[in-house]
Amino acid sequence: MTKPIVISVAGEPQGVVVPNGGDFRFLAVKLGVFSLDGQVFETIEAARDAARAVVEGAAELAQSFEASDGSDEGLVA
């Protein structure tokens, strides 16, 4: 059996890919990339790019909710 290949973004493991015939199935290990769980990619790099896009997209979304003056006023905890 072939070992899973770790997919990391910015040094943080996000999931693994396992060979699936001629392609690779993504198995999420972090909640942030759960939307990719079970998806099949043609290459390891394609899986890595998808994970990076999801993680970076979530970071951009989180930043859009930050107060522009650096305070937490108006933010719900």
N, C-alpha and C. Protein backbone atom coordinates (compact mmCIF):
# COMPACT_ATOMS: atom_id res chain seq x y z
N MET A 1 0.84 -1.19 0.00
CA MET A 1 0.00 0.00 0.00
C MET A 1 0.88 1.24 0.00
N THR A 2 0.48 2.25 -0.76
CA THR A 2 1.22 3.50 -0.85
C THR A 2 0.83 4.40 0.31
N LYS A 3 1.83 5.07 0.86
CA LYS A 3 1.59 5.95 2.00
C LYS A 3 0.89 7.23 1.56
N PRO A 4 0.05 7.81 2.43
CA PRO A 4 -0.57 9.10 2.12
C PRO A 4 0.50 10.19 2.01
N ILE A 5 0.22 11.20 1.21
CA ILE A 5 1.13 12.32 1.00
C ILE A 5 0.50 13.53 1.67
N VAL A 6 1.23 14.16 2.59
CA VAL A 6 0.72 15.30 3.34
C VAL A 6 0.64 16.53 2.45
N ILE A 7 -0.47 17.24 2.55
CA ILE A 7 -0.67 18.51 1.84
C ILE A 7 -0.67 19.60 2.90
N SER A 8 0.34 20.49 2.81
CA SER A 8 0.48 21.58 3.77
C SER A 8 0.32 22.92 3.06
N VAL A 9 -0.18 23.89 3.83
CA VAL A 9 -0.27 25.28 3.36
C VAL A 9 0.40 26.13 4.42
N ALA A 10 1.38 26.92 4.02
CA ALA A 10 2.13 27.77 4.94
C ALA A 10 2.68 26.97 6.12
N GLY A 11 3.14 25.77 5.83
CA GLY A 11 3.75 24.93 6.86
C GLY A 11 2.78 24.20 7.77
N GLU A 12 1.48 24.36 7.56
CA GLU A 12 0.47 23.70 8.38
C GLU A 12 -0.19 22.56 7.59
N PRO A 13 -0.12 21.33 8.08
CA PRO A 13 -0.81 20.23 7.39
C PRO A 13 -2.31 20.49 7.32
N GLN A 14 -2.86 20.31 6.14
CA GLN A 14 -4.29 20.53 5.93
C GLN A 14 -5.02 19.24 5.61
N GLY A 15 -4.30 18.30 5.03
CA GLY A 15 -4.91 17.04 4.65
C GLY A 15 -3.86 16.13 4.05
N VAL A 16 -4.31 15.04 3.51
CA VAL A 16 -3.44 14.10 2.80
C VAL A 16 -4.12 13.72 1.50
N VAL A 17 -3.31 13.29 0.55
CA VAL A 17 -3.86 12.67 -0.65
C VAL A 17 -3.41 11.23 -0.68
N VAL A 18 -4.29 10.39 -1.15
CA VAL A 18 -3.96 8.98 -1.31
C VAL A 18 -4.20 8.61 -2.77
N PRO A 19 -3.31 7.77 -3.31
CA PRO A 19 -3.49 7.35 -4.70
C PRO A 19 -4.87 6.70 -4.88
N ASN A 20 -5.49 7.02 -6.01
CA ASN A 20 -6.83 6.56 -6.33
C ASN A 20 -6.84 6.17 -7.81
N GLY A 21 -6.21 5.03 -8.11
CA GLY A 21 -6.04 4.67 -9.52
C GLY A 21 -4.97 5.57 -10.12
N GLY A 22 -5.34 6.36 -11.13
CA GLY A 22 -4.39 7.26 -11.76
C GLY A 22 -4.42 8.67 -11.21
N ASP A 23 -5.22 8.90 -10.17
CA ASP A 23 -5.32 10.24 -9.60
C ASP A 23 -5.19 10.15 -8.08
N PHE A 24 -5.60 11.22 -7.38
CA PHE A 24 -5.40 11.29 -5.94
C PHE A 24 -6.65 11.80 -5.23
N ARG A 25 -7.05 11.12 -4.16
CA ARG A 25 -8.20 11.53 -3.36
C ARG A 25 -7.71 12.31 -2.14
N PHE A 26 -8.34 13.47 -1.91
CA PHE A 26 -7.98 14.35 -0.79
C PHE A 26 -8.76 13.95 0.45
N LEU A 27 -8.07 13.83 1.57
CA LEU A 27 -8.70 13.55 2.86
C LEU A 27 -8.32 14.69 3.81
N ALA A 28 -9.29 15.47 4.22
CA ALA A 28 -9.04 16.64 5.06
C ALA A 28 -8.70 16.23 6.49
N VAL A 29 -7.75 16.95 7.08
CA VAL A 29 -7.44 16.76 8.50
C VAL A 29 -7.69 18.05 9.29
N LYS A 30 -8.02 19.13 8.59
CA LYS A 30 -8.35 20.41 9.23
C LYS A 30 -9.74 20.83 8.76
N LEU A 31 -10.49 21.39 9.67
CA LEU A 31 -11.86 21.81 9.36
C LEU A 31 -11.89 22.82 8.22
N GLY A 32 -10.89 23.69 8.15
CA GLY A 32 -10.87 24.73 7.13
C GLY A 32 -10.87 24.24 5.70
N VAL A 33 -10.42 23.03 5.46
CA VAL A 33 -10.40 22.47 4.10
C VAL A 33 -11.38 21.30 3.95
N PHE A 34 -12.32 21.20 4.85
CA PHE A 34 -13.26 20.08 4.80
C PHE A 34 -14.06 20.06 3.50
N SER A 35 -14.21 21.23 2.88
CA SER A 35 -14.94 21.27 1.60
C SER A 35 -14.24 20.47 0.51
N LEU A 36 -12.96 20.18 0.69
CA LEU A 36 -12.21 19.39 -0.28
C LEU A 36 -12.22 17.90 0.02
N ASP A 37 -12.71 17.52 1.19
CA ASP A 37 -12.66 16.13 1.61
C ASP A 37 -13.35 15.22 0.60
N GLY A 38 -12.62 14.22 0.15
CA GLY A 38 -13.17 13.25 -0.79
C GLY A 38 -13.02 13.63 -2.25
N GLN A 39 -12.62 14.87 -2.53
CA GLN A 39 -12.46 15.27 -3.92
C GLN A 39 -11.26 14.56 -4.54
N VAL A 40 -11.35 14.32 -5.82
CA VAL A 40 -10.29 13.63 -6.56
C VAL A 40 -9.58 14.65 -7.45
N PHE A 41 -8.25 14.60 -7.42
CA PHE A 41 -7.42 15.51 -8.20
C PHE A 41 -6.51 14.70 -9.11
N GLU A 42 -6.20 15.26 -10.28
CA GLU A 42 -5.34 14.58 -11.23
C GLU A 42 -3.91 14.49 -10.75
N THR A 43 -3.47 15.52 -10.00
CA THR A 43 -2.08 15.55 -9.52
C THR A 43 -2.04 15.99 -8.06
N ILE A 44 -0.92 15.72 -7.42
CA ILE A 44 -0.70 16.18 -6.05
C ILE A 44 -0.68 17.70 -6.02
N GLU A 45 -0.03 18.30 -7.01
CA GLU A 45 0.06 19.76 -7.08
C GLU A 45 -1.32 20.39 -7.21
N ALA A 46 -2.23 19.77 -7.95
CA ALA A 46 -3.59 20.30 -8.08
C ALA A 46 -4.30 20.28 -6.73
N ALA A 47 -4.08 19.23 -5.95
CA ALA A 47 -4.68 19.14 -4.61
C ALA A 47 -4.08 20.21 -3.71
N ARG A 48 -2.77 20.41 -3.80
CA ARG A 48 -2.10 21.43 -3.00
C ARG A 48 -2.61 22.83 -3.37
N ASP A 49 -2.77 23.09 -4.66
CA ASP A 49 -3.28 24.39 -5.11
C ASP A 49 -4.70 24.63 -4.60
N ALA A 50 -5.52 23.60 -4.62
CA ALA A 50 -6.90 23.73 -4.14
C ALA A 50 -6.91 24.02 -2.64
N ALA A 51 -6.09 23.32 -1.88
CA ALA A 51 -6.02 23.56 -0.43
C ALA A 51 -5.55 24.98 -0.15
N ARG A 52 -4.53 25.42 -0.88
CA ARG A 52 -4.01 26.78 -0.70
C ARG A 52 -5.11 27.81 -1.00
N ALA A 53 -5.85 27.61 -2.07
CA ALA A 53 -6.92 28.54 -2.44
C ALA A 53 -7.99 28.62 -1.36
N VAL A 54 -8.35 27.47 -0.78
CA VAL A 54 -9.37 27.47 0.27
C VAL A 54 -8.86 28.17 1.52
N VAL A 55 -7.63 27.87 1.94
CA VAL A 55 -7.07 28.47 3.15
C VAL A 55 -6.89 29.97 2.96
N GLU A 56 -6.33 30.39 1.83
CA GLU A 56 -6.12 31.81 1.58
C GLU A 56 -7.43 32.55 1.43
N GLY A 57 -8.42 31.92 0.83
CA GLY A 57 -9.74 32.53 0.70
C GLY A 57 -10.38 32.75 2.05
N ALA A 58 -10.22 31.79 2.96
CA ALA A 58 -10.78 31.93 4.31
C ALA A 58 -10.07 33.06 5.06
N ALA A 59 -8.77 33.19 4.87
CA ALA A 59 -8.02 34.25 5.54
C ALA A 59 -8.47 35.62 5.03
N GLU A 60 -8.68 35.74 3.72
CA GLU A 60 -9.16 37.01 3.16
C GLU A 60 -10.55 37.34 3.68
N LEU A 61 -11.41 36.34 3.78
CA LEU A 61 -12.75 36.57 4.30
C LEU A 61 -12.70 37.03 5.74
N ALA A 62 -11.86 36.40 6.56
CA ALA A 62 -11.74 36.79 7.97
C ALA A 62 -11.24 38.21 8.09
N GLN A 63 -10.30 38.60 7.25
CA GLN A 63 -9.77 39.96 7.30
C GLN A 63 -10.84 40.98 6.92
N SER A 64 -11.77 40.60 6.07
CA SER A 64 -12.80 41.54 5.66
C SER A 64 -13.76 41.87 6.80
N PHE A 65 -13.76 41.07 7.86
CA PHE A 65 -14.62 41.32 9.00
C PHE A 65 -13.93 42.09 10.11
N GLU A 66 -12.64 42.35 9.97
CA GLU A 66 -11.91 43.08 11.00
C GLU A 66 -12.28 44.55 10.95
N ALA A 67 -12.30 45.18 12.12
CA ALA A 67 -12.57 46.61 12.18
C ALA A 67 -11.42 47.36 11.51
N SER A 68 -11.74 48.37 10.72
CA SER A 68 -10.72 49.08 9.96
C SER A 68 -9.79 49.91 10.84
N ASP A 69 -10.24 50.26 12.05
CA ASP A 69 -9.39 51.07 12.93
C ASP A 69 -8.60 50.20 13.91
N GLY A 70 -8.68 48.88 13.77
CA GLY A 70 -7.94 47.99 14.63
C GLY A 70 -8.64 47.66 15.95
N SER A 71 -9.76 48.32 16.23
CA SER A 71 -10.50 48.02 17.45
C SER A 71 -11.43 46.84 17.21
N ASP A 72 -12.02 46.36 18.28
CA ASP A 72 -12.98 45.28 18.11
C ASP A 72 -14.41 45.83 18.24
N GLU A 73 -14.56 47.12 18.19
CA GLU A 73 -15.88 47.72 18.31
C GLU A 73 -16.76 47.31 17.13
N GLY A 74 -17.93 46.87 17.44
CA GLY A 74 -18.87 46.46 16.43
C GLY A 74 -18.75 45.01 16.02
N LEU A 75 -17.73 44.33 16.51
CA LEU A 75 -17.56 42.92 16.17
C LEU A 75 -18.28 42.06 17.21
N VAL A 76 -18.90 41.03 16.76
CA VAL A 76 -19.61 40.12 17.66
C VAL A 76 -18.65 39.03 18.12
N ALA A 77 -18.66 38.76 19.40
CA ALA A 77 -17.78 37.72 19.94
C ALA A 77 -18.54 36.44 20.10
